Amino acid sequence: MHLEEKIKKNLNLFSAGRFDEVITNSLVLNKKFPEQQIFYNILSLSYQAKSDFDKSIMILNKGLKLFKDNIFFLNNLGLTYYKSNNLKKAESLFNRVLEINDSYVEAINNLGLLKYDLNDIEEASRLFTKSLKIQPDLLQTNYNYSALLQSIGKYDEAKFYLKKVLEINENFTLADQSLAMLNKYSANDPHIASMEKKISNLNLSKIEFSQLNFALGKAYADIKDYNKSFEHIDKANHLKKQVTKYKLDIEIKLIEKIKKIYQTIDKKKISFKYKEDKIIFILGMPRSGTSLVEQIISSHSDIYGGGEIKYLSENFDNFLKTENFEDESIINTFELYGNEYLDHLKEMNSTKDIFTDKAIMNFRWIGFIKKIFPNSKIIHCKRDNLENCWSIYKNDFKGGLNFSNNLEDLGGYYNSYRDLMKFWKKFFDKDIFEIQYESLIENNDKEIRNILKFCELKWDDNCLKFYNNKRPIKTVSFSQAREPIYNNSINASKEYKKYLTVLENILTKS
C-alpha cells in the first residue's frame, strides 16, 4: 500500500471515530515516516478524542522538535491544553500561532471559542467575525458564531449563520438541530420537509440521525402532532444509546462510592487553609429550573453569572479514580482543586466578586464542595419528577448525561439522584436551599425574595426583570430564561403520558 493510501485509510478511520486503530497505525507510520507531519497531527487528535491529553502533548512536542514553530502543531497543542482545561497555556499557544500567521483561521476560531467559554463575548465575537472575513465559508466558525449569537438572544442573526452552515454542508445535522430549537414551526414549514428528506439519507451516522430526530421531535410538538413528535424523540434517544452504550449500574455504583468516600472524609474532620464565601452553586437535575434561577440571581447588581463551570465535576471524577484517601493527600488535592477553580473564576470577564456556578451535576459533589468552600451557598432546584424526566428525555444534551437516552435508565438515575440528595440533607440540611420549579412559576415574587435572603443579598428589583439580563445563556433553556415567567411548561408531559407508563412506574417506586 502506497503512503498516500495509508494516509487516506487513517483519515477514514479517524472520521469513523475508530481512534484506537488510528493510534496503532499512526505510531508505526510516524516512526517509519518522521518527516510526515500528518501523523503527528492525527495522533494528537486521536489522543485528544480519547481524553489522553498527556500523550497528545507528548507527540506534538516531539513534532515541534523537528518542525519548530509549526503552526499546525502549535494550534493542536493549544487545542489539547484547551480541552484539558489549561486555558492560560492554550491561549498563549493560540496567540503564538497568530504571531507567526495572523490569518490562520483555525487558531482564530479556537481562540474565539476559548474567549466564549470565559464569557468574553465581545472578544469572541471579534475573533469569529475576523475569521469569517478571511474565510467566509469556514463551517465551524459559522456554527460557533451562531451559538454565540443564540446565547445572547440574537436569534435572527443566529439563524442566518445556521442557514449558511447548511449551505456549506447540507448534512451538518447539528445546524438543523440548532435551527429547530430557534424555530416555532407551522404545519407547512419547509424545514420540516427538508429534515424528513435528509433522514432518508442512509449515509448519515447514528449521531447525525439522532440529531435530526430530536429536531423533528421538537418540530412536530410545535404543530401539535404529538404521536409523530414522540416517535422521533424516542428514535433519537434509541440511536444515541446505541452509540454511548450507557450502563446505569455503573452510575449507581459511582453514587454509592461518593457516599462512602464522603463519610470517610467527614470522619477525618479535614479542614482547609481558606474559606471562600463568594460562590453560589445552583444545582439539581437538568431541566429543573437551574437556568431560570441563575438568570434571576445573576440579574442582581452584585452577582456575575458564571454559567456551567465544569472544573469541579471533572476534578472530582478524577479524584474518585485515585483511590488515595489519606488525610494529607486529600487536603493537598482538594486545596489544589479549590485554587484552580478560583483561578478560573479570575480569568472570567467580570468586575464582580460574587459568582454563580450552574454546573447542574454538582449535586453529586455537594459534600466535597462544602469541604473546599464551606461558606458557599447551595441552591437545589427541584421539579415534579415526571415533568422533569420528560423534559430531559425530549432534549439532546451534549457532552454526557447519557442516562437521559432511555426511559428505564432515566427513571433509575432520577431515583438515585433523589436518594443522594437525601444523603446530603443529613449533613447539610440548613446549608441547602431548595426551590420548587412550580412554586417559582406560581409565586415568583415571594420565591425570588426567599432566594436572595438565603444568599444574604439585599433586594434588587432587577431580579424580577431577569428577562432583561443580557448575559450569555449556553444551555437548552436559553429561550425560556429570557422570557417573563410563564406556566406553559407546567404539566407539559400530559400529551405524551401514554408513552411514559414505564417511566412513571419507576419513579413511583422510590
Protein backbone atom coordinates (compact mmCIF):
# COMPACT_ATOMS: atom_id res chain seq x y z
CA MET A 1 0.00 0.00 0.00
CA HIS A 2 1.39 3.40 -1.00
CA LEU A 3 1.89 6.12 1.61
CA GLU A 4 -0.99 8.20 0.18
CA GLU A 5 -3.34 5.22 0.58
CA LYS A 6 -2.21 4.68 4.17
CA ILE A 7 -2.84 8.33 4.96
CA LYS A 8 -6.31 8.14 3.37
CA LYS A 9 -7.14 4.96 5.31
CA ASN A 10 -6.12 6.58 8.58
CA LEU A 11 -8.19 9.68 7.86
CA ASN A 12 -11.22 7.50 7.11
CA LEU A 13 -10.73 5.60 10.38
CA PHE A 14 -10.48 8.91 12.23
CA SER A 15 -13.69 10.19 10.63
CA ALA A 16 -15.41 6.95 11.72
CA GLY A 17 -14.31 7.52 15.32
CA ARG A 18 -12.06 4.42 15.38
CA PHE A 19 -9.35 6.21 17.33
CA ASP A 20 -7.58 3.13 18.75
CA GLU A 21 -6.94 1.85 15.22
CA VAL A 22 -5.74 5.29 14.12
CA ILE A 23 -3.30 5.40 17.04
CA THR A 24 -1.97 1.88 16.38
CA ASN A 25 -1.43 2.61 12.68
CA SER A 26 -0.06 6.10 13.15
CA LEU A 27 2.51 5.15 15.79
CA VAL A 28 4.06 2.73 13.29
CA LEU A 29 3.83 5.17 10.41
CA ASN A 30 5.14 8.09 12.48
CA LYS A 31 8.24 6.07 13.36
CA LYS A 32 8.72 4.98 9.74
CA PHE A 33 7.99 8.41 8.20
CA PRO A 34 9.02 11.02 10.83
CA GLU A 35 9.03 13.75 8.17
CA GLN A 36 5.30 13.31 7.52
CA GLN A 37 3.57 15.97 9.62
CA ILE A 38 0.10 14.46 9.23
CA PHE A 39 0.91 11.53 11.53
CA TYR A 40 1.79 13.87 14.40
CA ASN A 41 -1.46 15.75 13.97
CA ILE A 42 -3.74 12.75 13.57
CA LEU A 43 -2.08 11.02 16.53
CA SER A 44 -2.53 14.06 18.74
CA LEU A 45 -6.17 14.50 17.68
CA SER A 46 -6.90 10.81 18.31
CA TYR A 47 -5.38 11.02 21.79
CA GLN A 48 -7.46 14.17 22.37
CA ALA A 49 -10.60 12.30 21.36
CA LYS A 50 -9.81 9.66 23.99
CA SER A 51 -9.06 12.38 26.60
CA ASP A 52 -5.47 11.14 26.80
CA PHE A 53 -4.12 14.67 26.83
CA ASP A 54 -0.64 13.86 28.15
CA LYS A 55 0.09 11.65 25.14
CA SER A 56 -1.35 14.24 22.77
CA ILE A 57 1.00 16.86 24.26
CA MET A 58 3.95 14.44 24.12
CA ILE A 59 3.52 13.63 20.40
CA LEU A 60 3.12 17.31 19.45
CA ASN A 61 6.21 18.36 21.42
CA LYS A 62 8.10 15.60 19.63
CA GLY A 63 6.94 17.06 16.31
CA LEU A 64 7.89 20.60 17.33
CA LYS A 65 11.48 19.49 17.95
CA LEU A 66 11.67 18.55 14.27
CA PHE A 67 9.42 21.31 12.91
CA LYS A 68 9.98 24.39 15.05
CA ASP A 69 7.13 26.93 15.11
CA ASN A 70 4.91 24.67 13.02
CA ILE A 71 1.56 26.44 13.30
CA PHE A 72 -0.44 23.23 12.82
CA PHE A 73 1.34 21.56 15.74
CA LEU A 74 1.14 24.68 17.90
CA ASN A 75 -2.58 25.06 17.20
CA ASN A 76 -3.28 21.41 18.04
CA LEU A 77 -1.14 21.73 21.16
CA GLY A 78 -3.24 24.72 22.18
CA LEU A 79 -6.36 22.69 21.47
CA THR A 80 -5.09 19.88 23.71
CA TYR A 81 -4.46 22.27 26.59
CA TYR A 82 -7.85 23.87 25.96
CA LYS A 83 -9.65 20.53 26.17
CA SER A 84 -7.75 19.65 29.35
CA ASN A 85 -8.90 22.96 30.91
CA ASN A 86 -5.47 24.63 30.95
CA LEU A 87 -6.86 27.79 29.40
CA LYS A 88 -3.86 30.03 30.11
CA LYS A 89 -1.49 27.70 28.29
CA ALA A 90 -3.99 27.22 25.46
CA GLU A 91 -4.44 30.97 25.00
CA SER A 92 -0.70 31.57 24.91
CA LEU A 93 -0.28 28.90 22.21
CA PHE A 94 -3.12 30.25 20.04
CA ASN A 95 -1.62 33.74 20.33
CA ARG A 96 1.81 32.36 19.43
CA VAL A 97 0.32 30.86 16.26
CA LEU A 98 -1.24 34.20 15.36
CA GLU A 99 2.08 35.99 15.91
CA ILE A 100 3.52 33.69 13.24
CA ASN A 101 0.48 33.87 10.95
CA ASP A 102 -2.31 36.24 11.96
CA SER A 103 -4.58 34.86 9.23
CA TYR A 104 -4.60 31.24 10.37
CA VAL A 105 -8.36 30.85 10.80
CA GLU A 106 -8.29 27.63 12.86
CA ALA A 107 -6.31 29.36 15.61
CA ILE A 108 -8.53 32.45 15.42
CA ASN A 109 -11.59 30.23 15.75
CA ASN A 110 -10.13 28.26 18.67
CA LEU A 111 -9.17 31.44 20.49
CA GLY A 112 -12.71 32.71 19.88
CA LEU A 113 -14.14 29.56 21.46
CA LEU A 114 -11.85 29.97 24.46
CA LYS A 115 -12.97 33.57 24.94
CA TYR A 116 -16.59 32.45 24.57
CA ASP A 117 -16.04 29.88 27.33
CA LEU A 118 -14.79 32.71 29.54
CA ASN A 119 -17.90 34.75 28.68
CA ASP A 120 -15.79 37.42 26.97
CA ILE A 121 -18.49 37.81 24.33
CA GLU A 122 -17.10 40.98 22.77
CA GLU A 123 -13.66 39.48 22.12
CA ALA A 124 -15.08 36.13 20.99
CA SER A 125 -17.37 37.93 18.54
CA ARG A 126 -14.45 39.98 17.20
CA LEU A 127 -12.40 36.82 16.60
CA PHE A 128 -15.22 34.92 14.90
CA THR A 129 -16.00 37.83 12.58
CA LYS A 130 -12.28 38.23 11.82
CA SER A 131 -12.10 34.54 10.89
CA LEU A 132 -15.15 34.84 8.64
CA LYS A 133 -13.69 37.86 6.83
CA ILE A 134 -10.65 35.76 5.95
CA GLN A 135 -12.59 32.60 5.09
CA PRO A 136 -16.37 33.22 4.89
CA ASP A 137 -17.24 29.59 4.17
CA LEU A 138 -15.46 28.03 7.14
CA LEU A 139 -18.21 25.80 8.52
CA GLN A 140 -17.04 25.55 12.12
CA THR A 141 -16.65 29.30 12.58
CA ASN A 142 -20.11 29.95 11.15
CA TYR A 143 -21.55 27.38 13.54
CA ASN A 144 -19.61 28.68 16.56
CA TYR A 145 -20.68 32.24 15.84
CA SER A 146 -24.31 31.14 15.58
CA ALA A 147 -24.01 29.52 19.04
CA LEU A 148 -22.61 32.76 20.48
CA LEU A 149 -25.42 34.82 18.93
CA GLN A 150 -28.03 32.38 20.21
CA SER A 151 -26.58 32.57 23.73
CA ILE A 152 -27.03 36.36 23.87
CA GLY A 153 -30.56 36.32 22.45
CA LYS A 154 -29.78 37.44 18.88
CA TYR A 155 -31.89 34.67 17.37
CA ASP A 156 -32.43 36.05 13.86
CA GLU A 157 -28.70 36.55 13.39
CA ALA A 158 -28.05 33.07 14.78
CA LYS A 159 -30.49 31.61 12.23
CA PHE A 160 -28.67 33.44 9.41
CA TYR A 161 -25.37 31.73 10.25
CA LEU A 162 -27.02 28.33 10.80
CA LYS A 163 -28.58 28.54 7.34
CA LYS A 164 -25.18 29.49 5.99
CA VAL A 165 -23.73 26.37 7.64
CA LEU A 166 -26.32 24.24 5.84
CA GLU A 167 -25.45 25.92 2.54
CA ILE A 168 -21.83 24.90 3.12
CA ASN A 169 -22.80 21.35 4.12
CA GLU A 170 -26.48 20.37 3.97
CA ASN A 171 -25.76 17.25 6.03
CA PHE A 172 -24.30 19.12 9.01
CA THR A 173 -27.28 18.00 11.09
CA LEU A 174 -26.18 19.82 14.24
CA ALA A 175 -27.19 23.02 12.45
CA ASP A 176 -30.64 21.55 11.72
CA GLN A 177 -31.00 20.72 15.38
CA SER A 178 -29.94 24.21 16.46
CA LEU A 179 -32.38 25.76 13.98
CA ALA A 180 -35.18 23.61 15.36
CA MET A 181 -34.54 24.99 18.85
CA LEU A 182 -34.84 28.55 17.50
CA ASN A 183 -37.85 28.00 15.22
CA LYS A 184 -41.54 28.00 16.06
CA TYR A 185 -42.91 25.69 13.38
CA SER A 186 -46.17 25.78 11.45
CA ALA A 187 -47.54 22.76 9.58
CA ASN A 188 -46.07 23.59 6.16
CA ASP A 189 -42.65 24.80 7.28
CA PRO A 190 -40.14 23.82 4.55
CA HIS A 191 -37.50 22.98 7.15
CA ILE A 192 -39.62 20.03 8.33
CA ALA A 193 -39.77 18.68 4.78
CA SER A 194 -36.05 19.25 4.37
CA MET A 195 -35.24 17.28 7.53
CA GLU A 196 -37.64 14.46 6.60
CA LYS A 197 -35.86 14.19 3.26
CA LYS A 198 -32.44 14.13 4.93
CA ILE A 199 -33.46 11.43 7.36
CA SER A 200 -33.80 9.03 4.42
CA ASN A 201 -30.08 9.51 3.67
CA LEU A 202 -28.53 6.22 4.76
CA ASN A 203 -25.02 7.68 4.70
CA LEU A 204 -25.54 9.66 7.88
CA SER A 205 -24.02 8.47 11.17
CA LYS A 206 -26.14 7.37 14.13
CA ILE A 207 -25.41 10.65 15.90
CA GLU A 208 -26.47 12.64 12.81
CA PHE A 209 -29.69 10.61 12.56
CA SER A 210 -30.22 11.23 16.26
CA GLN A 211 -29.80 14.98 15.86
CA LEU A 212 -32.35 15.08 13.04
CA ASN A 213 -34.81 13.03 15.05
CA PHE A 214 -34.51 15.33 18.06
CA ALA A 215 -35.10 18.30 15.74
CA LEU A 216 -38.15 16.69 14.15
CA GLY A 217 -39.49 15.74 17.58
CA LYS A 218 -39.44 19.41 18.53
CA ALA A 219 -40.93 20.49 15.20
CA TYR A 220 -43.88 18.08 15.42
CA ALA A 221 -44.51 19.14 19.02
CA ASP A 222 -44.79 22.73 17.77
CA ILE A 223 -47.54 21.71 15.32
CA LYS A 224 -49.20 19.52 17.99
CA ASP A 225 -48.62 16.20 16.23
CA TYR A 226 -47.61 14.54 19.48
CA ASN A 227 -47.55 10.98 18.14
CA LYS A 228 -45.01 11.86 15.47
CA SER A 229 -43.17 14.02 18.00
CA PHE A 230 -42.71 11.15 20.43
CA GLU A 231 -41.80 8.74 17.62
CA HIS A 232 -38.89 10.97 16.59
CA ILE A 233 -37.78 11.78 20.17
CA ASP A 234 -37.80 8.09 21.10
CA LYS A 235 -35.85 7.17 17.95
CA ALA A 236 -33.30 9.92 18.65
CA ASN A 237 -32.66 8.62 22.15
CA HIS A 238 -32.52 5.00 20.98
CA LEU A 239 -29.83 5.87 18.41
CA LYS A 240 -27.79 7.83 20.94
CA LYS A 241 -27.97 4.98 23.46
CA GLN A 242 -26.58 2.65 20.78
CA VAL A 243 -23.56 4.95 20.45
CA THR A 244 -22.90 5.59 24.17
CA LYS A 245 -23.66 2.03 25.37
CA TYR A 246 -24.53 3.59 28.73
CA LYS A 247 -24.93 1.27 31.72
CA LEU A 248 -26.99 2.52 34.65
CA ASP A 249 -25.44 0.13 37.18
CA ILE A 250 -22.03 1.80 36.73
CA GLU A 251 -23.54 5.19 37.56
CA ILE A 252 -25.40 3.84 40.61
CA LYS A 253 -22.16 2.27 41.89
CA LEU A 254 -20.46 5.66 41.44
CA ILE A 255 -23.11 7.38 43.55
CA GLU A 256 -22.73 4.74 46.28
CA LYS A 257 -18.97 5.25 46.13
CA ILE A 258 -19.43 9.01 46.55
CA LYS A 259 -21.42 8.42 49.74
CA LYS A 260 -18.85 6.02 51.14
CA ILE A 261 -15.89 8.30 50.39
CA TYR A 262 -17.61 11.36 51.80
CA GLN A 263 -18.38 9.54 55.04
CA THR A 264 -14.71 8.55 55.28
CA ILE A 265 -13.61 12.15 54.68
CA ASP A 266 -16.17 13.58 57.09
CA LYS A 267 -15.00 11.33 59.92
CA LYS A 268 -11.46 12.64 59.47
CA LYS A 269 -12.64 16.20 60.24
CA ILE A 270 -10.39 17.54 57.49
CA SER A 271 -10.08 21.33 57.34
CA PHE A 272 -8.56 23.70 54.80
CA LYS A 273 -6.47 26.85 54.88
CA TYR A 274 -9.04 29.16 53.34
CA LYS A 275 -12.77 29.71 53.40
CA GLU A 276 -14.22 31.24 50.24
CA ASP A 277 -17.75 32.61 50.63
CA LYS A 278 -18.39 34.29 47.28
CA ILE A 279 -19.78 31.40 45.23
CA ILE A 280 -23.43 30.40 44.76
CA PHE A 281 -23.78 26.86 43.42
CA ILE A 282 -27.06 26.24 41.57
CA LEU A 283 -27.62 22.55 41.01
CA GLY A 284 -30.15 19.78 40.50
CA MET A 285 -31.22 17.57 37.64
CA PRO A 286 -31.16 19.01 34.10
CA ARG A 287 -34.37 20.89 33.16
CA SER A 288 -35.29 21.52 36.79
CA GLY A 289 -35.18 25.32 36.53
CA THR A 290 -31.47 25.89 37.15
CA SER A 291 -31.05 28.23 34.15
CA LEU A 292 -34.01 30.32 35.23
CA VAL A 293 -32.73 30.55 38.81
CA GLU A 294 -29.26 31.56 37.64
CA GLN A 295 -30.76 34.17 35.31
CA ILE A 296 -32.71 35.62 38.25
CA ILE A 297 -29.76 35.69 40.66
CA SER A 298 -27.26 36.97 38.09
CA SER A 299 -29.58 39.91 37.40
CA HIS A 300 -28.57 41.20 40.83
CA SER A 301 -26.15 44.10 40.62
CA ASP A 302 -23.57 42.30 42.82
CA ILE A 303 -23.58 38.95 41.01
CA TYR A 304 -21.74 37.56 37.99
CA GLY A 305 -23.41 34.61 36.25
CA GLY A 306 -20.66 32.11 35.56
CA GLY A 307 -22.85 29.50 33.83
CA GLU A 308 -21.83 25.85 33.83
CA ILE A 309 -18.27 25.70 35.20
CA LYS A 310 -17.07 22.12 34.77
CA TYR A 311 -13.80 22.28 36.73
CA LEU A 312 -15.03 20.77 39.98
CA SER A 313 -17.01 17.93 38.40
CA GLU A 314 -14.09 16.89 36.21
CA ASN A 315 -11.64 17.10 39.11
CA PHE A 316 -13.86 15.14 41.49
CA ASP A 317 -14.35 12.49 38.82
CA ASN A 318 -10.57 12.13 38.68
CA PHE A 319 -10.35 12.14 42.49
CA LEU A 320 -12.67 9.13 42.70
CA LYS A 321 -10.37 7.21 40.34
CA THR A 322 -7.25 7.72 42.50
CA GLU A 323 -8.37 5.52 45.42
CA ASN A 324 -6.00 7.56 47.59
CA PHE A 325 -7.92 8.87 50.57
CA GLU A 326 -5.16 9.54 53.09
CA ASP A 327 -5.60 12.71 55.15
CA GLU A 328 -2.63 14.65 53.78
CA SER A 329 -3.36 13.60 50.20
CA ILE A 330 -6.99 14.68 50.43
CA ILE A 331 -6.06 18.07 51.88
CA ASN A 332 -3.48 18.72 49.17
CA THR A 333 -5.77 17.51 46.38
CA PHE A 334 -8.81 19.49 47.48
CA GLU A 335 -6.78 22.65 48.02
CA LEU A 336 -5.37 22.24 44.51
CA TYR A 337 -8.90 21.89 43.12
CA GLY A 338 -10.05 24.95 45.05
CA ASN A 339 -7.15 27.10 43.90
CA GLU A 340 -7.56 26.03 40.25
CA TYR A 341 -11.26 26.79 40.44
CA LEU A 342 -10.71 30.25 41.91
CA ASP A 343 -8.01 30.97 39.31
CA HIS A 344 -10.54 30.09 36.61
CA LEU A 345 -13.11 32.49 38.11
CA LYS A 346 -10.49 35.25 37.98
CA GLU A 347 -9.99 34.60 34.25
CA MET A 348 -13.64 35.34 33.55
CA ASN A 349 -14.62 38.68 32.10
CA SER A 350 -16.02 40.11 35.35
CA THR A 351 -15.52 43.03 37.73
CA LYS A 352 -17.83 41.49 40.34
CA ASP A 353 -16.81 39.46 43.40
CA ILE A 354 -19.74 37.03 43.75
CA PHE A 355 -20.14 34.27 41.17
CA THR A 356 -22.82 31.74 40.34
CA ASP A 357 -21.89 28.28 39.12
CA LYS A 358 -24.72 26.40 37.39
CA ALA A 359 -22.95 23.12 36.68
CA ILE A 360 -26.09 21.13 37.45
CA MET A 361 -24.41 17.78 38.06
CA ASN A 362 -22.58 19.30 41.01
CA PHE A 363 -25.38 17.75 43.09
CA ARG A 364 -23.11 14.68 43.15
CA TRP A 365 -20.37 16.62 44.89
CA ILE A 366 -22.18 18.76 47.48
CA GLY A 367 -20.23 17.34 50.43
CA PHE A 368 -16.89 17.77 48.68
CA ILE A 369 -17.80 21.32 47.62
CA LYS A 370 -18.70 22.23 51.19
CA LYS A 371 -15.34 20.86 52.36
CA ILE A 372 -13.48 23.14 49.96
CA PHE A 373 -15.84 26.14 50.11
CA PRO A 374 -17.64 25.81 53.47
CA ASN A 375 -19.27 29.24 53.23
CA SER A 376 -20.57 28.80 49.69
CA LYS A 377 -24.31 28.85 49.05
CA ILE A 378 -26.05 25.77 47.64
CA ILE A 379 -29.37 26.17 45.80
CA HIS A 380 -31.06 22.89 44.86
CA CYS A 381 -33.64 23.18 42.09
CA LYS A 382 -36.46 20.63 42.12
CA ARG A 383 -39.35 19.89 39.78
CA ASP A 384 -42.25 17.42 39.53
CA ASN A 385 -40.46 14.16 38.83
CA LEU A 386 -42.39 13.09 35.71
CA GLU A 387 -42.29 16.60 34.24
CA ASN A 388 -38.58 16.82 34.93
CA CYS A 389 -37.80 13.45 33.36
CA TRP A 390 -39.92 14.07 30.28
CA SER A 391 -38.23 17.43 29.72
CA ILE A 392 -34.85 15.68 29.96
CA TYR A 393 -35.85 12.90 27.57
CA LYS A 394 -37.09 15.22 24.81
CA ASN A 395 -33.88 17.28 24.78
CA ASP A 396 -30.43 16.41 23.47
CA PHE A 397 -27.56 17.08 25.88
CA LYS A 398 -24.04 17.42 24.54
CA GLY A 399 -21.05 16.09 26.44
CA GLY A 400 -22.52 13.43 28.71
CA LEU A 401 -25.79 12.93 30.63
CA ASN A 402 -26.11 9.60 28.83
CA PHE A 403 -28.64 8.34 31.39
CA SER A 404 -31.14 10.54 29.53
CA ASN A 405 -31.35 8.35 26.41
CA ASN A 406 -33.50 5.52 27.76
CA LEU A 407 -36.66 5.81 29.87
CA GLU A 408 -35.68 2.98 32.22
CA ASP A 409 -32.17 4.42 32.71
CA LEU A 410 -33.63 7.88 33.23
CA GLY A 411 -36.09 6.73 35.88
CA GLY A 412 -33.42 4.69 37.68
CA TYR A 413 -30.94 7.56 37.63
CA TYR A 414 -33.56 10.02 38.86
CA ASN A 415 -34.30 7.77 41.83
CA SER A 416 -30.57 7.57 42.64
CA TYR A 417 -30.32 11.36 42.43
CA ARG A 418 -33.19 11.73 44.92
CA ASP A 419 -31.52 9.21 47.22
CA LEU A 420 -28.21 11.09 47.07
CA MET A 421 -29.92 14.40 47.86
CA LYS A 422 -31.49 12.78 50.95
CA PHE A 423 -27.99 11.70 51.94
CA TRP A 424 -26.57 15.24 51.59
CA LYS A 425 -29.50 16.70 53.53
CA LYS A 426 -28.46 14.61 56.55
CA PHE A 427 -25.21 16.56 56.67
CA PHE A 428 -26.22 19.95 55.23
CA ASP A 429 -29.94 20.38 55.84
CA LYS A 430 -29.64 24.09 56.75
CA ASP A 431 -26.99 24.78 54.11
CA ILE A 432 -29.08 23.70 51.10
CA PHE A 433 -31.89 25.95 49.91
CA GLU A 434 -34.48 24.01 47.90
CA ILE A 435 -36.59 25.80 45.32
CA GLN A 436 -39.51 24.04 43.67
CA TYR A 437 -39.82 24.98 40.00
CA GLU A 438 -43.62 25.01 40.10
CA SER A 439 -43.62 27.30 43.16
CA LEU A 440 -41.20 29.67 41.45
CA ILE A 441 -43.53 29.88 38.44
CA GLU A 442 -46.67 30.45 40.51
CA ASN A 443 -45.25 32.70 43.26
CA ASN A 444 -42.18 34.27 41.66
CA ASP A 445 -42.01 37.43 43.78
CA LYS A 446 -42.14 35.51 47.05
CA GLU A 447 -39.71 32.79 45.93
CA ILE A 448 -37.20 35.28 44.49
CA ARG A 449 -37.17 37.12 47.81
CA ASN A 450 -36.56 33.81 49.61
CA ILE A 451 -33.65 33.00 47.30
CA LEU A 452 -31.99 36.39 47.83
CA LYS A 453 -32.50 36.15 51.59
CA PHE A 454 -30.80 32.73 51.66
CA CYS A 455 -27.89 34.12 49.62
CA GLU A 456 -27.65 37.07 52.06
CA LEU A 457 -28.18 39.56 49.24
CA LYS A 458 -30.04 42.84 49.51
CA TRP A 459 -33.18 43.19 47.44
CA ASP A 460 -32.67 44.20 43.81
CA ASP A 461 -35.65 44.94 41.52
CA ASN A 462 -33.59 43.70 38.57
CA CYS A 463 -34.15 40.15 39.80
CA LEU A 464 -37.85 40.47 38.97
CA LYS A 465 -36.91 41.72 35.48
CA PHE A 466 -34.41 38.92 34.88
CA TYR A 467 -35.58 38.62 31.24
CA ASN A 468 -33.75 41.91 30.53
CA ASN A 469 -30.43 40.36 31.59
CA LYS A 470 -28.14 40.23 28.53
CA ARG A 471 -25.65 37.68 29.90
CA PRO A 472 -24.97 34.63 27.69
CA ILE A 473 -27.08 31.52 28.30
CA LYS A 474 -25.50 28.42 26.80
CA THR A 475 -27.95 25.70 27.88
CA VAL A 476 -31.01 24.25 26.13
CA SER A 477 -33.07 26.61 28.32
CA PHE A 478 -31.63 29.68 26.55
CA SER A 479 -35.05 30.80 25.28
CA GLN A 480 -37.19 30.22 28.39
CA ALA A 481 -34.75 32.04 30.69
CA ARG A 482 -35.01 35.19 28.52
CA GLU A 483 -38.80 35.44 28.78
CA PRO A 484 -41.02 36.65 31.60
CA ILE A 485 -42.17 33.77 33.80
CA TYR A 486 -44.93 31.76 32.12
CA ASN A 487 -46.68 28.49 33.00
CA ASN A 488 -46.61 26.78 29.58
CA SER A 489 -44.08 24.26 30.88
CA ILE A 490 -46.31 23.13 33.74
CA ASN A 491 -47.81 19.69 33.04
CA ALA A 492 -46.11 19.59 29.61
CA SER A 493 -45.88 15.77 29.73
CA LYS A 494 -49.68 15.28 29.61
CA GLU A 495 -49.73 14.98 25.79
CA TYR A 496 -47.20 12.13 25.98
CA LYS A 497 -48.48 10.38 29.10
CA LYS A 498 -49.50 7.17 27.29
CA TYR A 499 -45.85 6.67 26.30
CA LEU A 500 -44.46 7.26 29.79
CA THR A 501 -46.09 4.49 31.83
CA VAL A 502 -42.83 2.60 32.38
CA LEU A 503 -41.05 5.78 33.47
CA GLU A 504 -43.92 6.76 35.78
CA ASN A 505 -43.90 3.31 37.42
CA ILE A 506 -40.16 3.50 38.09
CA LEU A 507 -40.44 6.99 39.59
CA THR A 508 -43.24 5.98 41.96
CA LYS A 509 -41.21 3.07 43.34
CA SER A 510 -38.81 5.40 45.15
